[in-house]
């Protein structure tokens, strides 16, 4: 798999996990997660998207 596809997949997973944890926050067992875990997942997704936009992997 080319490096650019790996980077896109990693960014999609990070954004998906962050948004899913944020949307499911009102329901148990997500209520029991500390806020820094949800914030960390959202931050991870934002950083992955920023890295994908700022320095995308190109074909080699």
N, C-alpha and C. Protein backbone atom coordinates (compact mmCIF):
# COMPACT_ATOMS: atom_id res chain seq x y z
N UNK A 1 0.85 -1.18 0.00
CA UNK A 1 0.00 0.00 0.00
C UNK A 1 0.90 1.24 0.00
N UNK A 2 0.60 2.18 -0.89
CA UNK A 2 1.42 3.40 -0.95
C UNK A 2 1.32 4.21 0.35
N UNK A 3 2.36 5.01 0.63
CA UNK A 3 2.36 5.79 1.87
C UNK A 3 1.21 6.79 1.97
N UNK A 4 0.78 7.35 0.86
CA UNK A 4 -0.30 8.34 0.93
C UNK A 4 -1.61 7.69 1.32
N UNK A 5 -1.82 6.42 0.94
CA UNK A 5 -3.03 5.73 1.35
C UNK A 5 -2.99 5.40 2.84
N UNK A 6 -1.82 5.05 3.35
CA UNK A 6 -1.69 4.78 4.78
C UNK A 6 -1.97 6.03 5.61
N UNK A 7 -1.48 7.17 5.13
CA UNK A 7 -1.71 8.42 5.85
C UNK A 7 -3.19 8.80 5.82
N UNK A 8 -3.85 8.61 4.69
CA UNK A 8 -5.28 8.91 4.61
C UNK A 8 -6.10 7.99 5.50
N UNK A 9 -5.72 6.72 5.54
CA UNK A 9 -6.45 5.77 6.39
C UNK A 9 -6.26 6.11 7.87
N UNK A 10 -5.02 6.45 8.25
CA UNK A 10 -4.74 6.82 9.65
C UNK A 10 -5.53 8.07 10.05
N UNK A 11 -5.60 9.04 9.15
CA UNK A 11 -6.37 10.26 9.44
C UNK A 11 -7.86 9.95 9.56
N UNK A 12 -8.36 9.08 8.69
CA UNK A 12 -9.78 8.72 8.74
C UNK A 12 -10.12 7.99 10.04
N UNK A 13 -9.24 7.09 10.47
CA UNK A 13 -9.47 6.37 11.73
C UNK A 13 -9.45 7.33 12.91
N UNK A 14 -8.49 8.25 12.92
CA UNK A 14 -8.39 9.20 14.03
C UNK A 14 -9.62 10.10 14.09
N UNK A 15 -10.05 10.61 12.97
CA UNK A 15 -11.23 11.49 12.95
C UNK A 15 -12.48 10.70 13.31
N UNK A 16 -12.60 9.51 12.79
CA UNK A 16 -13.76 8.68 13.10
C UNK A 16 -13.87 8.35 14.57
N UNK A 17 -12.76 7.96 15.19
CA UNK A 17 -12.79 7.64 16.62
C UNK A 17 -13.10 8.87 17.47
N UNK A 18 -12.52 10.00 17.10
CA UNK A 18 -12.78 11.23 17.86
C UNK A 18 -14.23 11.65 17.77
N UNK A 19 -14.79 11.65 16.57
CA UNK A 19 -16.18 12.06 16.41
C UNK A 19 -17.14 11.05 17.03
N UNK A 20 -16.84 9.78 16.91
CA UNK A 20 -17.70 8.75 17.50
C UNK A 20 -17.73 8.87 19.03
N UNK A 21 -16.57 9.08 19.62
CA UNK A 21 -16.55 9.22 21.08
C UNK A 21 -17.26 10.50 21.53
N UNK A 22 -17.19 11.54 20.73
CA UNK A 22 -17.87 12.79 21.07
C UNK A 22 -19.38 12.65 20.93
N UNK A 23 -19.83 11.98 19.86
CA UNK A 23 -21.27 11.82 19.65
C UNK A 23 -21.91 10.85 20.64
N UNK A 24 -21.16 9.84 21.06
CA UNK A 24 -21.68 8.85 21.99
C UNK A 24 -21.45 9.25 23.45
N UNK A 25 -20.93 10.41 23.69
CA UNK A 25 -20.59 10.86 25.04
C UNK A 25 -21.74 10.80 26.04
N UNK A 26 -23.00 11.10 25.66
CA UNK A 26 -24.08 11.09 26.65
C UNK A 26 -24.49 9.68 27.13
N UNK A 27 -24.08 8.62 26.46
CA UNK A 27 -24.55 7.28 26.81
C UNK A 27 -23.49 6.48 27.56
N UNK A 28 -23.96 5.65 28.52
CA UNK A 28 -23.02 4.75 29.20
C UNK A 28 -22.49 3.74 28.19
N UNK A 29 -21.31 3.29 28.25
CA UNK A 29 -20.24 3.55 29.20
C UNK A 29 -19.37 4.75 28.82
N UNK A 30 -19.75 5.50 27.78
CA UNK A 30 -18.95 6.66 27.38
C UNK A 30 -19.00 7.76 28.44
N UNK A 31 -20.05 7.79 29.23
CA UNK A 31 -20.17 8.80 30.30
C UNK A 31 -19.05 8.60 31.32
N UNK A 32 -18.63 7.37 31.47
CA UNK A 32 -17.61 7.06 32.48
C UNK A 32 -16.20 7.43 32.03
N UNK A 33 -16.02 7.73 30.74
CA UNK A 33 -14.70 8.14 30.27
C UNK A 33 -14.40 9.55 30.76
N UNK A 34 -13.18 9.79 31.17
CA UNK A 34 -12.83 11.17 31.54
C UNK A 34 -12.84 12.08 30.30
N UNK A 35 -13.07 13.35 30.54
CA UNK A 35 -13.13 14.30 29.44
C UNK A 35 -11.83 14.41 28.67
N UNK A 36 -10.69 14.18 29.34
CA UNK A 36 -9.42 14.31 28.65
C UNK A 36 -9.24 13.19 27.62
N UNK A 37 -9.90 12.04 27.81
CA UNK A 37 -9.81 10.96 26.82
C UNK A 37 -10.54 11.37 25.54
N UNK A 38 -11.75 11.89 25.70
CA UNK A 38 -12.52 12.35 24.54
C UNK A 38 -11.81 13.52 23.87
N UNK A 39 -11.32 14.46 24.66
CA UNK A 39 -10.58 15.58 24.09
C UNK A 39 -9.31 15.14 23.38
N UNK A 40 -8.64 14.15 23.94
CA UNK A 40 -7.43 13.62 23.30
C UNK A 40 -7.72 12.97 21.97
N UNK A 41 -8.82 12.23 21.89
CA UNK A 41 -9.19 11.61 20.62
C UNK A 41 -9.54 12.67 19.58
N UNK A 42 -10.27 13.70 19.99
CA UNK A 42 -10.60 14.78 19.06
C UNK A 42 -9.35 15.55 18.62
N UNK A 43 -8.43 15.77 19.56
CA UNK A 43 -7.19 16.45 19.23
C UNK A 43 -6.35 15.61 18.27
N UNK A 44 -6.30 14.31 18.51
CA UNK A 44 -5.56 13.40 17.62
C UNK A 44 -6.13 13.48 16.20
N UNK A 45 -7.45 13.46 16.07
CA UNK A 45 -8.07 13.57 14.75
C UNK A 45 -7.76 14.89 14.07
N UNK A 46 -7.79 15.98 14.83
CA UNK A 46 -7.49 17.29 14.26
C UNK A 46 -6.04 17.38 13.81
N UNK A 47 -5.13 16.82 14.59
CA UNK A 47 -3.71 16.84 14.22
C UNK A 47 -3.47 16.00 12.97
N UNK A 48 -4.12 14.84 12.89
CA UNK A 48 -3.95 13.99 11.70
C UNK A 48 -4.47 14.70 10.45
N UNK A 49 -5.61 15.38 10.56
CA UNK A 49 -6.12 16.12 9.40
C UNK A 49 -5.20 17.27 9.03
N UNK A 50 -4.68 17.96 10.03
CA UNK A 50 -3.76 19.06 9.76
C UNK A 50 -2.50 18.55 9.05
N UNK A 51 -1.95 17.43 9.53
CA UNK A 51 -0.76 16.87 8.89
C UNK A 51 -1.05 16.41 7.47
N UNK A 52 -2.23 15.86 7.25
CA UNK A 52 -2.60 15.41 5.91
C UNK A 52 -2.72 16.60 4.97
N UNK A 53 -3.28 17.70 5.44
CA UNK A 53 -3.44 18.88 4.59
C UNK A 53 -2.12 19.64 4.42
N UNK A 54 -1.31 19.68 5.48
CA UNK A 54 -0.08 20.47 5.43
C UNK A 54 1.04 19.77 4.67
N UNK A 55 1.20 18.48 4.90
CA UNK A 55 2.28 17.76 4.25
C UNK A 55 1.79 16.38 3.81
N UNK A 56 1.02 16.32 2.71
CA UNK A 56 0.50 15.03 2.25
C UNK A 56 1.62 14.17 1.67
N UNK A 57 1.48 12.89 1.82
CA UNK A 57 2.44 11.95 1.23
C UNK A 57 2.17 11.90 -0.28
N UNK A 58 3.22 12.01 -1.04
CA UNK A 58 3.11 11.98 -2.50
C UNK A 58 3.58 10.65 -3.04
N UNK A 59 3.28 10.41 -4.28
CA UNK A 59 3.77 9.19 -4.94
C UNK A 59 5.28 9.25 -5.01
N UNK A 60 5.92 8.13 -4.88
CA UNK A 60 7.39 8.09 -4.96
C UNK A 60 7.83 7.33 -6.17
